Amino acid sequence: MTAAAPRPRVFYGWVIVACAWLANFTTTSANPLVFSFFLFPMAETLGVRPSDLVWGITIRSVAGGLFAPYFGRIIDRHGSRWPGAISGVIMGATLIGFSSITNLWVLYALFFVSGLTGFSIFGGNVLTIVPPANWFVAKRGRAISISASGQLVGSAASAIAAAFFIERFGWQTAWAIFGVIAFLGVTPAYALFMRRRPEDIGLLPDGAAAPTAAEIAAETAKPAAVVQRANERYEFTVSEALRTPVLWLHVAAFTTMLTVISPFLLFRNHYWQELGFSPQLIAIGIALDPFTVAIMSIGMGVVAERVPIRYVGAFGGVWRLLGMLPLTLGATWPSSVLVHNFVWGIGSGTTSVFQTLMIPDYFGRGHQGAIRGAVTPVMVIVGSLGGPLGGYLLDAGMSYRMFFWGIFAAVALASASILLQTPPRPPPRLQAEADAHAARREDAESAGAGARDREG
């Protein structure tokens, strides 16, 4: 008998996770949290209002949303390798382009082009979400959480770096530095190491060995209740997923969150500045937020492998609400900046686990990029209006406390709806497969009982 080829000691899926982590880490400079440091210096230099610049974030999100359906299908079919490498070039070039703008419309155009990559767009970054989900099933929670932590740690590092670079060199040089970092962090890694799915190179998800005939028979005979993620046996198509109510409830909840959280992240800095808090304290607080998110997302990713993921998401919503209390209640003590960011980070890290796992866990691996791409336009286009709307409300004289209470109410409603987001039933096409699986299980159980009777 020929011995089976030994499995590699390190599963290649972890290389995929590392590539996604690095891409997330190095492309965070265009997200609202980091852009908030550029907002007022750029507005002063360009002679525009901060709310005018916020439209750049909106345009970027709209571009990502419009392109996401096509991008998702491309990645499902061809993988993330070359789309990711090209996107790294685009992202780096546009950030460098920010350093030399003198016209608001040129800035908007660059934001639009950078949005096509999907990097640092809430819910739209298929280039870093889909690959780990394709390579892992049993360990998907920790794999996606680890890769997503790159964006969180990157946001913290970029926030500190932005504050330093802007003060030391000016905002133009800061953008150029971030552009070089984005290119180096994405393009080489994706071009050299990224692969579509483990089956493409003769492996199985999670690094599992190919099952023997006896193991296949034993799995068939198992009760369905012992299968951790029942829907992993099924691959929903895009049209089948779009016909499930749970997907649209999910879209409504996270569109609401995106709409209100974007202006929250953009304008809380200015609120603290008006209270007289030092820029150094604000930068430390802002950095504490994503670091906490990163730690919590990894820990809760492991938890999500063992409990229904909707409970994880709702639990995170509670912590987000607790984290908002220092702002809604008008706390004026400086350490409230740190308290808010720490507690808010716990909630955001926990909720993000549900948001990234829901589509592959509920609808399978095969079409997850296309499914995510199909719903992303609704989420990011509607959600991207939150930043400009928040800016106009504050410009019109709305108090910060009323502003924060409105956001609090919206986050509470969206978080409560997560508990209702239960896994969908298989569509009719796949229900027949489920029935056949149950019939085979019953036949196996009957055959086992008959054999025991004959032995008796």
Protein backbone atom coordinates (compact mmCIF):
# COMPACT_ATOMS: atom_id res chain seq x y z
CA MET A 1 0.00 0.00 0.00
CA THR A 2 1.28 3.46 -0.91
CA ALA A 3 1.63 5.77 2.09
CA ALA A 4 -0.42 8.95 2.01
CA ALA A 5 1.53 12.12 1.37
CA PRO A 6 2.19 13.92 4.65
CA ARG A 7 0.24 17.09 5.25
CA PRO A 8 2.26 20.31 5.62
CA ARG A 9 2.96 21.26 9.22
CA VAL A 10 1.52 24.75 8.68
CA PHE A 11 -1.78 24.91 6.79
CA TYR A 12 -1.54 27.29 3.83
CA GLY A 13 -4.80 28.90 4.90
CA TRP A 14 -2.87 30.78 7.57
CA VAL A 15 -0.73 32.34 4.81
CA ILE A 16 -4.00 33.54 3.25
CA VAL A 17 -5.03 35.00 6.61
CA ALA A 18 -1.65 36.77 6.88
CA CYS A 19 -2.06 38.33 3.41
CA ALA A 20 -5.56 39.57 4.27
CA TRP A 21 -4.35 40.90 7.63
CA LEU A 22 -1.51 42.85 6.00
CA ALA A 23 -3.83 44.30 3.36
CA ASN A 24 -6.29 45.39 6.02
CA PHE A 25 -3.52 46.88 8.14
CA THR A 26 -1.95 48.99 5.40
CA THR A 27 -5.10 50.41 3.75
CA THR A 28 -6.84 51.97 6.75
CA SER A 29 -5.76 55.55 6.14
CA ALA A 30 -8.87 56.32 4.05
CA ASN A 31 -11.42 55.13 6.60
CA PRO A 32 -13.49 57.68 8.57
CA LEU A 33 -11.60 57.15 11.82
CA VAL A 34 -8.22 58.10 10.33
CA PHE A 35 -9.63 60.66 7.89
CA SER A 36 -11.02 62.59 10.85
CA PHE A 37 -7.44 63.68 11.63
CA PHE A 38 -7.08 65.15 8.11
CA LEU A 39 -10.52 66.76 8.07
CA PHE A 40 -9.87 70.17 9.60
CA PRO A 41 -6.27 70.72 8.36
CA MET A 42 -7.36 69.94 4.79
CA ALA A 43 -10.46 72.12 5.09
CA GLU A 44 -8.33 75.06 6.23
CA THR A 45 -5.79 74.65 3.42
CA LEU A 46 -8.36 74.12 0.67
CA GLY A 47 -10.71 76.82 1.94
CA VAL A 48 -13.76 74.55 2.23
CA ARG A 49 -16.05 73.36 5.01
CA PRO A 50 -15.33 70.05 6.78
CA SER A 51 -18.77 68.82 5.68
CA ASP A 52 -17.66 69.34 2.04
CA LEU A 53 -14.70 67.02 2.60
CA VAL A 54 -16.90 64.40 4.25
CA TRP A 55 -18.59 63.95 0.88
CA GLY A 56 -15.35 62.32 -0.24
CA ILE A 57 -15.96 59.44 2.18
CA THR A 58 -19.51 59.19 0.84
CA ILE A 59 -18.35 59.12 -2.78
CA ARG A 60 -15.77 56.48 -1.92
CA SER A 61 -18.40 54.28 -0.30
CA VAL A 62 -20.80 54.72 -3.22
CA ALA A 63 -18.08 53.70 -5.68
CA GLY A 64 -17.30 50.60 -3.64
CA GLY A 65 -20.98 49.74 -3.37
CA LEU A 66 -21.65 50.10 -7.10
CA PHE A 67 -18.65 47.95 -8.04
CA ALA A 68 -19.12 45.32 -5.31
CA PRO A 69 -21.58 43.06 -7.22
CA TYR A 70 -19.12 42.69 -10.11
CA PHE A 71 -16.10 42.42 -7.82
CA GLY A 72 -17.74 39.69 -5.75
CA ARG A 73 -18.48 37.54 -8.80
CA ILE A 74 -14.94 38.02 -10.13
CA ILE A 75 -13.46 36.88 -6.81
CA ASP A 76 -15.78 33.86 -6.55
CA ARG A 77 -14.75 32.74 -10.02
CA HIS A 78 -11.09 33.75 -10.27
CA GLY A 79 -9.96 34.40 -6.70
CA SER A 80 -8.46 37.47 -5.05
CA ARG A 81 -4.87 37.15 -6.24
CA TRP A 82 -4.67 39.49 -9.24
CA PRO A 83 -7.68 41.67 -8.36
CA GLY A 84 -5.97 42.27 -5.02
CA ALA A 85 -2.58 43.02 -6.57
CA ILE A 86 -4.10 45.54 -8.99
CA SER A 87 -6.20 47.10 -6.24
CA GLY A 88 -3.06 47.64 -4.18
CA VAL A 89 -1.57 49.69 -7.02
CA ILE A 90 -4.77 51.73 -7.34
CA MET A 91 -5.04 52.33 -3.60
CA GLY A 92 -1.43 53.45 -3.29
CA ALA A 93 -1.65 55.75 -6.31
CA THR A 94 -4.83 57.48 -5.15
CA LEU A 95 -3.50 58.11 -1.64
CA ILE A 96 -0.34 59.61 -3.12
CA GLY A 97 -2.61 61.68 -5.35
CA PHE A 98 -4.29 63.14 -2.25
CA SER A 99 -0.98 64.77 -1.35
CA SER A 100 -1.07 67.15 -4.32
CA ILE A 101 -4.73 68.11 -4.64
CA THR A 102 -5.76 71.75 -4.78
CA ASN A 103 -9.29 71.24 -6.07
CA LEU A 104 -12.22 69.67 -4.26
CA TRP A 105 -13.49 67.91 -7.38
CA VAL A 106 -10.14 66.23 -7.96
CA LEU A 107 -10.33 64.96 -4.38
CA TYR A 108 -13.79 63.54 -5.04
CA ALA A 109 -12.52 61.81 -8.20
CA LEU A 110 -9.64 60.21 -6.31
CA PHE A 111 -11.99 59.07 -3.55
CA PHE A 112 -14.21 57.46 -6.21
CA VAL A 113 -11.30 55.56 -7.77
CA SER A 114 -10.00 54.37 -4.39
CA GLY A 115 -13.48 53.13 -3.50
CA LEU A 116 -13.44 50.68 -6.41
CA THR A 117 -10.92 48.57 -4.48
CA GLY A 118 -13.30 48.01 -1.56
CA PHE A 119 -10.48 48.49 0.96
CA SER A 120 -11.60 49.99 4.30
CA ILE A 121 -15.26 50.10 3.25
CA PHE A 122 -17.59 48.68 5.88
CA GLY A 123 -19.08 45.42 4.59
CA GLY A 124 -17.62 45.90 1.12
CA ASN A 125 -14.07 44.63 1.46
CA VAL A 126 -14.54 41.32 -0.34
CA LEU A 127 -10.81 41.15 -1.09
CA THR A 128 -10.01 40.45 2.57
CA ILE A 129 -13.23 38.81 3.81
CA VAL A 130 -13.82 36.15 1.15
CA PRO A 131 -10.36 34.47 1.05
CA PRO A 132 -10.19 33.42 4.75
CA ALA A 133 -13.83 32.29 4.62
CA ASN A 134 -13.00 30.07 1.63
CA TRP A 135 -10.05 28.46 3.38
CA PHE A 136 -11.71 27.71 6.73
CA VAL A 137 -14.98 26.17 7.94
CA ALA A 138 -14.56 24.80 11.47
CA LYS A 139 -12.03 27.54 12.34
CA ARG A 140 -13.65 30.25 10.24
CA GLY A 141 -14.51 32.42 13.23
CA ARG A 142 -10.94 32.85 14.37
CA ALA A 143 -9.53 33.03 10.83
CA ILE A 144 -11.77 35.90 9.73
CA SER A 145 -11.40 37.65 13.07
CA ILE A 146 -7.61 37.49 12.89
CA SER A 147 -7.55 38.85 9.34
CA ALA A 148 -10.07 41.58 10.22
CA SER A 149 -7.94 42.60 13.20
CA GLY A 150 -5.44 43.97 10.71
CA GLN A 151 -7.86 46.75 9.85
CA LEU A 152 -8.43 47.46 13.52
CA VAL A 153 -4.79 47.50 14.54
CA GLY A 154 -4.05 49.41 11.36
CA SER A 155 -6.65 52.03 12.24
CA ALA A 156 -5.02 52.52 15.63
CA ALA A 157 -1.53 52.72 14.17
CA SER A 158 -2.66 54.97 11.32
CA ALA A 159 -4.47 57.31 13.71
CA ILE A 160 -1.32 57.78 15.78
CA ALA A 161 0.80 58.05 12.64
CA ALA A 162 -1.59 60.56 11.05
CA ALA A 163 -1.49 62.82 14.11
CA PHE A 164 2.33 62.66 14.10
CA PHE A 165 2.86 63.04 10.33
CA ILE A 166 0.39 65.93 10.01
CA GLU A 167 1.95 67.85 12.87
CA ARG A 168 5.54 67.10 11.79
CA PHE A 169 5.36 67.18 7.98
CA GLY A 170 1.89 68.45 6.99
CA TRP A 171 -1.12 66.59 5.67
CA GLN A 172 0.22 66.42 2.10
CA THR A 173 3.31 64.43 3.06
CA ALA A 174 1.24 62.27 5.39
CA TRP A 175 -0.96 61.16 2.48
CA ALA A 176 2.09 60.34 0.33
CA ILE A 177 3.55 58.16 3.09
CA PHE A 178 0.27 56.31 3.52
CA GLY A 179 0.10 55.71 -0.24
CA VAL A 180 3.50 54.00 -0.33
CA ILE A 181 2.56 51.89 2.70
CA ALA A 182 -0.70 50.76 1.04
CA PHE A 183 1.04 49.66 -2.15
CA LEU A 184 3.79 47.74 -0.35
CA GLY A 185 1.34 46.06 2.01
CA VAL A 186 -1.04 44.73 -0.63
CA THR A 187 0.40 44.18 -4.09
CA PRO A 188 3.47 41.98 -3.39
CA ALA A 189 1.69 39.74 -0.88
CA TYR A 190 -1.37 39.14 -3.05
CA ALA A 191 0.62 38.60 -6.24
CA LEU A 192 2.99 36.08 -4.64
CA PHE A 193 0.92 34.20 -2.06
CA MET A 194 -2.85 34.62 -2.48
CA ARG A 195 -4.82 31.59 -3.75
CA ARG A 196 -8.57 31.18 -4.31
CA ARG A 197 -9.61 28.04 -2.40
CA PRO A 198 -7.79 25.09 -0.77
CA GLU A 199 -9.29 22.66 -3.28
CA ASP A 200 -7.44 24.50 -6.07
CA ILE A 201 -4.10 23.27 -4.74
CA GLY A 202 -5.16 19.83 -3.51
CA LEU A 203 -6.05 20.74 0.08
CA LEU A 204 -9.23 20.81 2.15
CA PRO A 205 -10.62 23.59 4.38
CA ASP A 206 -8.96 23.88 7.81
CA GLY A 207 -6.12 21.63 6.62
CA ALA A 208 -8.25 18.53 7.13
CA ALA A 209 -7.25 15.18 5.68
CA ALA A 210 -9.44 13.62 3.02
CA PRO A 211 -12.08 11.47 4.76
CA THR A 212 -11.97 7.70 4.48
CA ALA A 213 -14.97 5.68 3.30
CA ALA A 214 -15.70 4.67 6.91
CA GLU A 215 -15.63 8.31 8.05
CA ILE A 216 -18.01 9.31 5.24
CA ALA A 217 -20.43 6.56 6.27
CA ALA A 218 -20.20 7.59 9.92
CA GLU A 219 -20.85 11.24 9.04
CA THR A 220 -23.89 10.27 6.97
CA ALA A 221 -25.31 8.37 9.94
CA LYS A 222 -24.93 11.30 12.35
CA PRO A 223 -28.05 13.14 13.49
CA ALA A 224 -28.32 16.52 11.79
CA ALA A 225 -28.25 18.26 15.18
CA VAL A 226 -24.57 17.46 15.71
CA VAL A 227 -23.51 19.35 12.60
CA GLN A 228 -22.16 22.68 13.86
CA ARG A 229 -23.14 24.69 10.81
CA ALA A 230 -25.89 22.88 8.96
CA ASN A 231 -25.89 25.32 6.05
CA GLU A 232 -22.23 24.52 5.27
CA ARG A 233 -23.57 21.46 3.39
CA TYR A 234 -25.51 23.77 1.09
CA GLU A 235 -24.43 26.46 -1.35
CA PHE A 236 -27.08 29.14 -1.82
CA THR A 237 -27.01 30.96 -5.14
CA VAL A 238 -27.30 34.75 -5.15
CA SER A 239 -30.96 34.67 -6.17
CA GLU A 240 -31.78 32.07 -3.50
CA ALA A 241 -30.05 34.09 -0.79
CA LEU A 242 -31.83 37.28 -1.88
CA ARG A 243 -35.18 35.55 -1.37
CA THR A 244 -34.50 34.88 2.33
CA PRO A 245 -35.96 37.41 4.80
CA VAL A 246 -32.97 37.04 7.12
CA LEU A 247 -30.57 38.49 4.56
CA TRP A 248 -32.66 41.65 4.19
CA LEU A 249 -33.07 41.98 7.94
CA HIS A 250 -29.28 41.76 8.16
CA VAL A 251 -28.89 44.41 5.46
CA ALA A 252 -31.36 46.73 7.21
CA ALA A 253 -29.60 46.37 10.57
CA PHE A 254 -26.09 47.00 9.33
CA THR A 255 -27.12 49.74 6.91
CA THR A 256 -28.61 51.53 9.90
CA MET A 257 -25.42 51.03 11.89
CA LEU A 258 -23.24 52.25 9.04
CA THR A 259 -25.41 55.33 8.52
CA VAL A 260 -25.11 56.50 12.12
CA ILE A 261 -21.65 55.22 13.08
CA SER A 262 -19.85 56.98 10.21
CA PRO A 263 -20.74 60.51 11.42
CA PHE A 264 -20.19 59.38 15.00
CA LEU A 265 -16.58 58.46 14.22
CA LEU A 266 -16.02 61.56 12.11
CA PHE A 267 -17.25 64.19 14.58
CA ARG A 268 -16.55 62.84 18.06
CA ASN A 269 -12.96 64.16 17.76
CA HIS A 270 -14.20 67.71 17.27
CA TYR A 271 -16.58 67.34 20.21
CA TRP A 272 -13.68 66.41 22.47
CA GLN A 273 -11.59 69.27 21.08
CA GLU A 274 -14.39 71.71 21.96
CA LEU A 275 -14.29 70.36 25.52
CA GLY A 276 -10.60 71.32 25.64
CA PHE A 277 -9.14 67.81 25.65
CA SER A 278 -5.56 67.64 24.35
CA PRO A 279 -4.86 66.24 20.86
CA GLN A 280 -2.52 63.68 22.44
CA LEU A 281 -5.28 62.36 24.73
CA ILE A 282 -7.71 62.15 21.82
CA ALA A 283 -5.16 60.30 19.67
CA ILE A 284 -4.48 57.78 22.46
CA GLY A 285 -8.21 57.26 22.94
CA ILE A 286 -8.85 56.81 19.22
CA ALA A 287 -5.99 54.29 19.06
CA LEU A 288 -7.38 52.39 22.06
CA ASP A 289 -10.66 51.79 20.22
CA PRO A 290 -9.36 49.61 17.34
CA PHE A 291 -6.81 47.83 19.54
CA THR A 292 -9.67 46.76 21.80
CA VAL A 293 -11.76 45.81 18.77
CA ALA A 294 -8.91 43.65 17.46
CA ILE A 295 -8.49 41.74 20.72
CA MET A 296 -12.23 41.23 21.16
CA SER A 297 -12.84 40.18 17.56
CA ILE A 298 -10.23 37.42 17.81
CA GLY A 299 -11.55 36.19 21.16
CA MET A 300 -15.18 36.33 20.12
CA GLY A 301 -14.31 34.70 16.81
CA VAL A 302 -13.37 31.58 18.76
CA VAL A 303 -16.57 31.87 20.82
CA ALA A 304 -18.60 32.15 17.60
CA GLU A 305 -17.38 28.69 16.59
CA ARG A 306 -19.28 27.28 19.58
CA VAL A 307 -22.45 29.36 20.01
CA PRO A 308 -25.02 30.81 17.58
CA ILE A 309 -23.39 33.84 16.03
CA ARG A 310 -26.48 36.05 16.44
CA TYR A 311 -25.99 35.94 20.22
CA VAL A 312 -22.44 37.19 19.74
CA GLY A 313 -23.68 40.08 17.58
CA ALA A 314 -26.40 41.16 20.01
CA PHE A 315 -23.98 40.97 22.95
CA GLY A 316 -21.69 43.35 21.11
CA GLY A 317 -24.56 45.77 20.59
CA VAL A 318 -25.10 46.04 24.34
CA TRP A 319 -21.45 47.01 24.87
CA ARG A 320 -21.62 49.60 22.09
CA LEU A 321 -24.54 51.27 23.84
CA LEU A 322 -22.68 51.28 27.15
CA GLY A 323 -19.70 52.83 25.41
CA MET A 324 -21.82 55.71 24.12
CA LEU A 325 -23.03 56.78 27.56
CA PRO A 326 -20.11 59.15 28.33
CA LEU A 327 -21.01 61.14 25.21
CA THR A 328 -24.79 61.00 25.48
CA LEU A 329 -24.64 62.01 29.15
CA GLY A 330 -22.22 64.86 28.42
CA ALA A 331 -19.24 63.64 30.46
CA THR A 332 -16.57 66.35 30.67
CA TRP A 333 -13.80 64.51 32.55
CA PRO A 334 -10.79 63.79 30.29
CA SER A 335 -10.55 60.09 31.09
CA SER A 336 -14.05 59.65 29.62
CA VAL A 337 -12.29 59.60 26.23
CA LEU A 338 -10.44 56.45 27.25
CA VAL A 339 -13.48 54.85 28.90
CA HIS A 340 -15.62 55.45 25.83
CA ASN A 341 -13.10 54.05 23.36
CA PHE A 342 -12.37 50.97 25.47
CA VAL A 343 -16.02 49.99 26.01
CA TRP A 344 -17.02 50.96 22.47
CA GLY A 345 -14.16 48.81 21.19
CA ILE A 346 -15.45 45.79 23.10
CA GLY A 347 -18.84 46.18 21.45
CA SER A 348 -17.54 46.89 17.97
CA GLY A 349 -15.15 43.94 18.01
CA THR A 350 -17.89 41.58 19.12
CA THR A 351 -20.49 42.82 16.63
CA SER A 352 -18.02 42.68 13.74
CA VAL A 353 -17.65 38.92 14.22
CA PHE A 354 -21.32 38.39 13.44
CA GLN A 355 -21.23 40.81 10.51
CA THR A 356 -18.35 39.01 8.77
CA LEU A 357 -19.46 35.44 9.54
CA MET A 358 -23.15 35.71 8.73
CA ILE A 359 -23.00 35.28 4.95
CA PRO A 360 -20.56 32.32 4.72
CA ASP A 361 -22.12 30.57 7.74
CA TYR A 362 -25.71 30.99 6.60
CA PHE A 363 -25.32 30.69 2.82
CA GLY A 364 -22.15 28.63 2.25
CA ARG A 365 -18.76 29.32 0.67
CA GLY A 366 -19.49 28.90 -3.03
CA HIS A 367 -21.19 32.22 -3.81
CA GLN A 368 -20.36 34.28 -0.75
CA GLY A 369 -18.48 36.94 -2.70
CA ALA A 370 -21.37 37.45 -5.11
CA ILE A 371 -23.94 37.46 -2.28
CA ARG A 372 -21.94 40.00 -0.32
CA GLY A 373 -21.45 42.05 -3.46
CA ALA A 374 -25.18 41.99 -4.22
CA VAL A 375 -26.18 43.57 -0.91
CA THR A 376 -23.19 45.87 -0.45
CA PRO A 377 -24.54 48.63 -2.75
CA VAL A 378 -27.61 49.09 -0.57
CA MET A 379 -25.53 49.13 2.61
CA VAL A 380 -22.75 51.47 1.58
CA ILE A 381 -24.72 53.86 -0.66
CA VAL A 382 -27.43 54.47 1.93
CA GLY A 383 -24.97 54.27 4.81
CA SER A 384 -22.53 56.68 3.21
CA LEU A 385 -25.08 59.48 3.44
CA GLY A 386 -24.68 59.47 7.23
CA GLY A 387 -21.43 61.44 7.25
CA PRO A 388 -22.66 64.45 5.24
CA LEU A 389 -26.04 64.37 6.99
CA GLY A 390 -24.32 64.48 10.38
CA GLY A 391 -22.15 67.37 9.24
CA TYR A 392 -25.13 69.38 8.03
CA LEU A 393 -27.11 68.74 11.22
CA LEU A 394 -24.22 70.00 13.34
CA ASP A 395 -23.65 72.97 11.02
CA ALA A 396 -27.36 73.79 11.40
CA GLY A 397 -27.00 74.06 15.15
CA MET A 398 -27.92 70.63 16.50
CA SER A 399 -26.27 70.07 19.88
CA TYR A 400 -23.76 67.27 20.21
CA ARG A 401 -25.80 65.62 22.98
CA MET A 402 -28.92 65.41 20.79
CA PHE A 403 -26.71 64.19 17.93
CA PHE A 404 -25.29 61.39 20.09
CA TRP A 405 -28.70 60.39 21.52
CA GLY A 406 -30.08 59.94 18.00
CA ILE A 407 -27.18 57.66 17.15
CA PHE A 408 -27.71 55.76 20.42
CA ALA A 409 -31.35 55.02 19.53
CA ALA A 410 -30.46 53.79 16.04
CA VAL A 411 -27.69 51.49 17.32
CA ALA A 412 -30.07 50.07 19.96
CA LEU A 413 -32.72 49.22 17.35
CA ALA A 414 -30.24 47.63 14.93
CA SER A 415 -28.55 45.60 17.67
CA ALA A 416 -31.86 44.21 18.94
CA SER A 417 -32.75 43.01 15.44
CA ILE A 418 -29.65 40.78 15.36
CA LEU A 419 -31.40 38.33 17.71
CA LEU A 420 -34.02 37.75 15.00
CA GLN A 421 -31.43 36.85 12.35
CA THR A 422 -31.65 33.05 12.50
CA PRO A 423 -30.20 30.71 9.81
CA PRO A 424 -32.50 30.29 6.78
CA ARG A 425 -34.07 27.03 5.71
CA PRO A 426 -32.50 25.41 2.63
CA PRO A 427 -34.14 26.60 -0.61
CA PRO A 428 -36.35 24.09 -2.51
CA ARG A 429 -33.48 23.05 -4.77
CA LEU A 430 -31.39 22.10 -1.75
CA GLN A 431 -34.26 20.79 0.36
CA ALA A 432 -34.31 17.69 -1.83
CA GLU A 433 -30.63 17.18 -1.01
CA ALA A 434 -31.39 17.56 2.68
CA ASP A 435 -34.23 15.03 2.42
CA ALA A 436 -31.95 12.57 0.61
CA HIS A 437 -29.31 13.03 3.31
CA ALA A 438 -31.93 12.28 5.97
CA ALA A 439 -33.11 9.21 4.03
CA ARG A 440 -29.55 7.85 3.82
CA ARG A 441 -29.17 8.40 7.54
CA GLU A 442 -32.41 6.51 8.23
CA ASP A 443 -31.31 3.67 5.93
CA ALA A 444 -27.98 3.45 7.75
CA GLU A 445 -29.74 3.38 11.11
CA SER A 446 -32.18 0.70 9.88
CA ALA A 447 -29.35 -1.41 8.51
CA GLY A 448 -27.52 -1.15 11.81
CA ALA A 449 -30.63 -2.17 13.73
CA GLY A 450 -31.22 -5.13 11.41
CA ALA A 451 -27.66 -6.33 11.87
CA ARG A 452 -28.03 -6.16 15.64
CA ASP A 453 -31.30 -8.15 15.45
CA ARG A 454 -29.65 -10.89 13.39
CA GLU A 455 -26.78 -11.07 15.83
CA GLY A 456 -29.29 -11.41 18.68
